[in-house]
């Protein structure tokens, strides 16, 4: 069993980049609740803090780097059960992934490079 964690980065101009983290194992309801409970406003997280690859770099190809439209938050899109890991290599197990979210007490905006441009 494999689980996909789908997420995106949307800058203030509504330009979007999408990503998926493949997890080895099933993500049970209590584990999903732990992740949901740590999301800011039930949808936002700082990718660097939970070991999820940041996506804002994908938008830099149009702007040649960070702009005032960029910020430090990524958005949770959803979970999917998948039959195999054909979408990519597993980034971690579901247990490790849940542990990283469970460890979050407060989101640390300083982990994002966008804090330096004052947009977090």
N, C-alpha and C. Protein backbone atom coordinates (compact mmCIF):
# COMPACT_ATOMS: atom_id res chain seq x y z
N UNK A 1 0.84 -1.18 0.00
CA UNK A 1 0.00 0.00 0.00
C UNK A 1 0.88 1.25 0.00
N UNK A 2 0.50 2.22 -0.76
CA UNK A 2 1.21 3.49 -0.88
C UNK A 2 0.21 4.63 -0.73
N UNK A 3 0.66 5.75 -0.23
CA UNK A 3 -0.20 6.91 -0.07
C UNK A 3 0.46 8.11 -0.73
N UNK A 4 -0.33 8.88 -1.46
CA UNK A 4 0.16 10.12 -2.07
C UNK A 4 -0.33 11.30 -1.25
N UNK A 5 0.58 12.20 -0.92
CA UNK A 5 0.27 13.46 -0.26
C UNK A 5 0.38 14.53 -1.34
N UNK A 6 -0.74 15.07 -1.76
CA UNK A 6 -0.76 16.08 -2.82
C UNK A 6 -0.81 17.47 -2.19
N UNK A 7 -0.04 18.38 -2.76
CA UNK A 7 0.04 19.73 -2.22
C UNK A 7 0.36 20.70 -3.34
N UNK A 8 0.30 22.00 -3.05
CA UNK A 8 0.65 22.99 -4.05
C UNK A 8 1.19 24.25 -3.40
N UNK A 9 1.83 25.04 -4.24
CA UNK A 9 2.26 26.37 -3.84
C UNK A 9 1.52 27.33 -4.75
N UNK A 10 0.88 28.34 -4.15
CA UNK A 10 0.17 29.35 -4.90
C UNK A 10 0.67 30.71 -4.42
N UNK A 11 1.27 31.48 -5.33
CA UNK A 11 1.76 32.78 -4.90
C UNK A 11 0.60 33.78 -4.84
N UNK A 12 0.88 34.99 -4.40
CA UNK A 12 -0.18 35.99 -4.24
C UNK A 12 -0.81 36.39 -5.57
N UNK A 13 -0.14 36.11 -6.67
CA UNK A 13 -0.70 36.38 -7.99
C UNK A 13 -1.53 35.22 -8.53
N UNK A 14 -1.71 34.18 -7.72
CA UNK A 14 -2.48 32.98 -8.04
C UNK A 14 -1.79 32.07 -9.07
N UNK A 15 -0.48 32.22 -9.23
CA UNK A 15 0.26 31.28 -10.04
C UNK A 15 0.53 30.05 -9.17
N UNK A 16 0.41 28.85 -9.76
CA UNK A 16 0.44 27.62 -8.98
C UNK A 16 1.49 26.63 -9.48
N UNK A 17 1.99 25.87 -8.53
CA UNK A 17 2.86 24.72 -8.82
C UNK A 17 2.35 23.57 -7.95
N UNK A 18 2.29 22.38 -8.53
CA UNK A 18 1.73 21.22 -7.83
C UNK A 18 2.80 20.18 -7.55
N UNK A 19 2.64 19.47 -6.44
CA UNK A 19 3.58 18.43 -6.09
C UNK A 19 2.91 17.26 -5.38
N UNK A 20 3.61 16.15 -5.34
CA UNK A 20 3.13 14.94 -4.67
C UNK A 20 4.31 14.31 -3.94
N UNK A 21 4.07 13.91 -2.72
CA UNK A 21 5.05 13.13 -1.96
C UNK A 21 4.48 11.73 -1.82
N UNK A 22 5.24 10.74 -2.21
CA UNK A 22 4.81 9.34 -2.12
C UNK A 22 5.27 8.78 -0.78
N UNK A 23 4.34 8.17 -0.06
CA UNK A 23 4.61 7.60 1.25
C UNK A 23 4.41 6.10 1.21
N UNK A 24 5.30 5.39 1.83
CA UNK A 24 5.17 3.94 1.91
C UNK A 24 4.26 3.59 3.07
N UNK A 25 3.16 2.93 2.75
CA UNK A 25 2.21 2.50 3.78
C UNK A 25 0.87 3.21 3.65
N UNK A 26 -0.05 2.71 4.43
CA UNK A 26 -1.40 3.28 4.46
C UNK A 26 -1.46 4.39 5.49
N UNK A 27 -2.14 5.44 5.16
CA UNK A 27 -2.33 6.55 6.09
C UNK A 27 -3.73 6.43 6.67
N UNK A 28 -3.81 5.93 7.89
CA UNK A 28 -5.09 5.67 8.54
C UNK A 28 -5.74 6.96 9.04
N UNK A 29 -7.02 6.89 9.33
CA UNK A 29 -7.79 8.07 9.75
C UNK A 29 -7.15 8.82 10.92
N UNK A 30 -6.70 8.15 11.99
CA UNK A 30 -6.09 8.90 13.10
C UNK A 30 -4.83 9.65 12.67
N UNK A 31 -4.06 9.06 11.75
CA UNK A 31 -2.86 9.73 11.25
C UNK A 31 -3.22 10.95 10.40
N UNK A 32 -4.26 10.82 9.60
CA UNK A 32 -4.73 11.96 8.80
C UNK A 32 -5.20 13.09 9.72
N UNK A 33 -5.84 12.73 10.80
CA UNK A 33 -6.30 13.74 11.77
C UNK A 33 -5.13 14.48 12.40
N UNK A 34 -4.05 13.77 12.70
CA UNK A 34 -2.86 14.42 13.27
C UNK A 34 -2.33 15.46 12.28
N UNK A 35 -2.22 15.08 11.02
CA UNK A 35 -1.72 16.02 10.01
C UNK A 35 -2.66 17.21 9.88
N UNK A 36 -3.96 16.94 9.76
CA UNK A 36 -4.93 18.04 9.64
C UNK A 36 -4.88 18.97 10.85
N UNK A 37 -4.66 18.42 12.03
CA UNK A 37 -4.65 19.24 13.25
C UNK A 37 -3.47 20.20 13.30
N UNK A 38 -2.41 19.90 12.54
CA UNK A 38 -1.22 20.76 12.55
C UNK A 38 -1.24 21.81 11.44
N UNK A 39 -2.10 21.63 10.44
CA UNK A 39 -2.16 22.59 9.34
C UNK A 39 -2.68 23.94 9.83
N UNK A 40 -2.08 25.00 9.37
CA UNK A 40 -2.54 26.35 9.69
C UNK A 40 -3.84 26.60 8.91
N UNK A 41 -4.87 27.02 9.60
CA UNK A 41 -6.18 27.27 8.98
C UNK A 41 -6.67 26.06 8.19
N UNK A 42 -6.33 24.87 8.64
CA UNK A 42 -6.77 23.60 8.07
C UNK A 42 -6.26 23.34 6.65
N UNK A 43 -5.25 24.12 6.19
CA UNK A 43 -4.74 23.84 4.85
C UNK A 43 -3.28 24.23 4.60
N UNK A 44 -2.69 25.10 5.38
CA UNK A 44 -1.36 25.62 5.07
C UNK A 44 -0.26 24.99 5.93
N UNK A 45 0.93 24.87 5.34
CA UNK A 45 2.09 24.35 6.06
C UNK A 45 3.36 24.92 5.43
N UNK A 46 4.44 24.86 6.17
CA UNK A 46 5.75 25.28 5.67
C UNK A 46 6.51 24.02 5.29
N UNK A 47 6.71 23.87 3.99
CA UNK A 47 7.28 22.63 3.44
C UNK A 47 8.60 22.25 4.09
N UNK A 48 9.48 23.22 4.25
CA UNK A 48 10.81 22.94 4.80
C UNK A 48 10.74 22.36 6.20
N UNK A 49 9.72 22.72 6.96
CA UNK A 49 9.62 22.29 8.36
C UNK A 49 9.24 20.83 8.49
N UNK A 50 8.55 20.29 7.49
CA UNK A 50 8.11 18.89 7.57
C UNK A 50 8.76 18.01 6.51
N UNK A 51 9.83 18.50 5.90
CA UNK A 51 10.59 17.69 4.96
C UNK A 51 9.89 17.44 3.63
N UNK A 52 9.00 18.35 3.24
CA UNK A 52 8.32 18.25 1.95
C UNK A 52 9.05 19.17 0.97
N UNK A 53 9.35 18.70 -0.24
CA UNK A 53 10.06 19.55 -1.19
C UNK A 53 9.27 20.83 -1.52
N UNK A 54 9.87 22.01 -1.31
CA UNK A 54 9.19 23.26 -1.65
C UNK A 54 8.96 23.36 -3.16
N UNK A 55 7.89 24.03 -3.54
CA UNK A 55 7.53 24.11 -4.96
C UNK A 55 7.69 25.51 -5.56
N UNK A 56 7.96 26.51 -4.76
CA UNK A 56 7.98 27.87 -5.31
C UNK A 56 9.06 28.07 -6.36
N UNK A 57 10.11 27.26 -6.31
CA UNK A 57 11.18 27.38 -7.32
C UNK A 57 10.64 27.17 -8.73
N UNK A 58 9.56 26.40 -8.85
CA UNK A 58 8.97 26.16 -10.17
C UNK A 58 8.40 27.44 -10.79
N UNK A 59 8.03 28.40 -9.96
CA UNK A 59 7.50 29.66 -10.47
C UNK A 59 8.61 30.65 -10.80
N UNK A 60 9.79 30.42 -10.31
CA UNK A 60 10.90 31.35 -10.54
C UNK A 60 11.28 31.44 -12.02
N UNK A 61 10.95 30.43 -12.79
CA UNK A 61 11.32 30.47 -14.22
C UNK A 61 10.63 31.62 -14.94
N UNK A 62 9.51 32.10 -14.41
CA UNK A 62 8.80 33.23 -15.01
C UNK A 62 9.20 34.57 -14.38
N UNK A 63 9.76 34.51 -13.19
CA UNK A 63 10.07 35.76 -12.48
C UNK A 63 11.56 35.95 -12.23
N UNK A 64 12.37 34.98 -12.61
CA UNK A 64 13.82 35.02 -12.36
C UNK A 64 14.15 35.09 -10.87
N UNK A 65 13.32 34.49 -10.05
CA UNK A 65 13.58 34.45 -8.60
C UNK A 65 12.40 34.96 -7.80
N UNK A 66 12.55 35.01 -6.49
CA UNK A 66 11.45 35.43 -5.63
C UNK A 66 11.00 36.86 -5.92
N UNK A 67 9.72 37.10 -5.73
CA UNK A 67 9.14 38.43 -5.90
C UNK A 67 8.31 38.75 -4.67
N UNK A 68 7.74 39.93 -4.63
CA UNK A 68 6.87 40.32 -3.52
C UNK A 68 5.59 39.48 -3.48
N UNK A 69 5.32 38.72 -4.53
CA UNK A 69 4.15 37.84 -4.60
C UNK A 69 4.38 36.53 -3.84
N UNK A 70 5.64 36.22 -3.55
CA UNK A 70 5.98 34.95 -2.91
C UNK A 70 5.84 35.03 -1.40
N UNK A 71 5.56 33.91 -0.79
CA UNK A 71 5.42 33.78 0.66
C UNK A 71 5.92 32.40 1.07
N UNK A 72 5.77 32.04 2.32
CA UNK A 72 6.37 30.80 2.81
C UNK A 72 5.40 29.62 2.92
N UNK A 73 4.14 29.79 2.59
CA UNK A 73 3.13 28.76 2.83
C UNK A 73 2.83 27.91 1.61
N UNK A 74 2.74 26.60 1.82
CA UNK A 74 2.25 25.66 0.83
C UNK A 74 0.85 25.23 1.26
N UNK A 75 0.07 24.69 0.33
CA UNK A 75 -1.30 24.28 0.63
C UNK A 75 -1.46 22.77 0.49
N UNK A 76 -2.09 22.19 1.48
CA UNK A 76 -2.45 20.78 1.44
C UNK A 76 -3.61 20.63 0.44
N UNK A 77 -3.50 19.64 -0.46
CA UNK A 77 -4.56 19.38 -1.43
C UNK A 77 -5.34 18.14 -1.04
N UNK A 78 -4.65 17.05 -0.72
CA UNK A 78 -5.36 15.84 -0.34
C UNK A 78 -4.45 14.63 -0.26
N UNK A 79 -5.05 13.54 0.19
CA UNK A 79 -4.38 12.24 0.24
C UNK A 79 -5.03 11.34 -0.80
N UNK A 80 -4.23 10.46 -1.37
CA UNK A 80 -4.75 9.43 -2.28
C UNK A 80 -4.07 8.12 -1.96
N UNK A 81 -4.84 7.05 -1.97
CA UNK A 81 -4.24 5.73 -1.89
C UNK A 81 -3.86 5.34 -3.30
N UNK A 82 -2.65 4.81 -3.46
CA UNK A 82 -2.21 4.40 -4.78
C UNK A 82 -1.72 2.96 -4.71
N UNK A 83 -1.87 2.27 -5.83
CA UNK A 83 -1.56 0.83 -5.87
C UNK A 83 -0.06 0.57 -5.84
N UNK A 84 0.71 1.47 -6.45
CA UNK A 84 2.15 1.31 -6.46
C UNK A 84 2.79 2.69 -6.43
N UNK A 85 4.08 2.73 -6.46
CA UNK A 85 4.76 4.01 -6.37
C UNK A 85 5.30 4.45 -7.73
N UNK A 86 4.53 4.18 -8.78
CA UNK A 86 4.94 4.53 -10.14
C UNK A 86 5.11 6.05 -10.30
N UNK A 87 4.43 6.83 -9.47
CA UNK A 87 4.53 8.29 -9.58
C UNK A 87 5.88 8.81 -9.09
N UNK A 88 6.61 8.00 -8.40
CA UNK A 88 7.91 8.45 -7.90
C UNK A 88 8.40 7.58 -6.76
N UNK A 89 9.60 7.85 -6.32
CA UNK A 89 10.20 7.11 -5.22
C UNK A 89 9.60 7.56 -3.90
N UNK A 90 9.38 6.63 -3.01
CA UNK A 90 8.82 6.97 -1.71
C UNK A 90 9.77 7.88 -0.95
N UNK A 91 9.22 8.99 -0.44
CA UNK A 91 10.02 9.95 0.31
C UNK A 91 10.24 9.49 1.74
N UNK A 92 9.26 8.78 2.28
CA UNK A 92 9.36 8.27 3.65
C UNK A 92 8.21 7.30 3.88
N UNK A 93 8.18 6.76 5.07
CA UNK A 93 7.02 5.94 5.44
C UNK A 93 5.94 6.86 5.96
N UNK A 94 4.73 6.35 6.02
CA UNK A 94 3.64 7.17 6.55
C UNK A 94 3.90 7.52 8.02
N UNK A 95 4.47 6.60 8.77
CA UNK A 95 4.76 6.85 10.19
C UNK A 95 5.75 8.00 10.36
N UNK A 96 6.82 8.00 9.56
CA UNK A 96 7.81 9.09 9.63
C UNK A 96 7.17 10.43 9.25
N UNK A 97 6.34 10.41 8.23
CA UNK A 97 5.68 11.62 7.75
C UNK A 97 4.75 12.20 8.82
N UNK A 98 3.96 11.34 9.44
CA UNK A 98 3.05 11.77 10.50
C UNK A 98 3.85 12.32 11.68
N UNK A 99 4.95 11.68 12.02
CA UNK A 99 5.79 12.15 13.12
C UNK A 99 6.31 13.57 12.88
N UNK A 100 6.68 13.86 11.62
CA UNK A 100 7.18 15.21 11.32
C UNK A 100 6.09 16.26 11.52
N UNK A 101 4.87 15.96 11.12
CA UNK A 101 3.76 16.90 11.34
C UNK A 101 3.42 16.97 12.83
N UNK A 102 3.41 15.84 13.51
CA UNK A 102 3.07 15.81 14.93
C UNK A 102 4.04 16.65 15.75
N UNK A 103 5.28 16.77 15.29
CA UNK A 103 6.30 17.53 16.02
C UNK A 103 6.10 19.05 15.91
N UNK A 104 5.26 19.49 15.00
CA UNK A 104 5.06 20.92 14.79
C UNK A 104 4.19 21.49 15.91
N UNK A 105 4.75 22.44 16.62
CA UNK A 105 3.98 23.17 17.64
C UNK A 105 3.57 24.52 17.07
N UNK A 106 4.53 25.18 16.41
CA UNK A 106 4.30 26.45 15.72
C UNK A 106 5.03 26.37 14.39
N UNK A 107 4.46 26.96 13.36
CA UNK A 107 5.11 26.99 12.06
C UNK A 107 6.21 28.04 12.08
N UNK A 108 7.38 27.68 11.57
CA UNK A 108 8.56 28.53 11.60
C UNK A 108 8.79 29.15 10.22
N UNK A 109 8.31 30.37 10.04
CA UNK A 109 8.41 31.05 8.76
C UNK A 109 9.85 31.32 8.34
N UNK A 110 10.76 31.35 9.30
CA UNK A 110 12.16 31.66 8.98
C UNK A 110 12.85 30.53 8.20
N UNK A 111 12.21 29.39 8.09
CA UNK A 111 12.78 28.29 7.32
C UNK A 111 12.65 28.51 5.81
N UNK A 112 11.77 29.41 5.42
CA UNK A 112 11.56 29.71 4.00
C UNK A 112 12.49 30.83 3.55
N UNK A 113 13.02 30.73 2.34
CA UNK A 113 13.85 31.83 1.83
C UNK A 113 13.05 33.11 1.61
N UNK A 114 11.75 33.02 1.56
CA UNK A 114 10.93 34.20 1.32
C UNK A 114 10.82 35.11 2.52
N UNK A 115 11.19 34.62 3.70
CA UNK A 115 11.17 35.48 4.87
C UNK A 115 12.17 36.62 4.70
N UNK A 116 13.23 36.38 3.94
CA UNK A 116 14.26 37.40 3.71
C UNK A 116 13.74 38.56 2.87
N UNK A 117 12.72 38.33 2.04
CA UNK A 117 12.17 39.42 1.24
C UNK A 117 10.94 40.04 1.90
N UNK A 118 10.68 39.59 3.13
CA UNK A 118 9.62 40.20 3.93
C UNK A 118 8.20 39.86 3.49
N UNK A 119 8.03 38.71 2.83
CA UNK A 119 6.70 38.38 2.34
C UNK A 119 6.01 37.26 3.11
N UNK A 120 6.59 36.84 4.21
CA UNK A 120 5.95 35.77 5.02
C UNK A 120 5.12 36.39 6.14
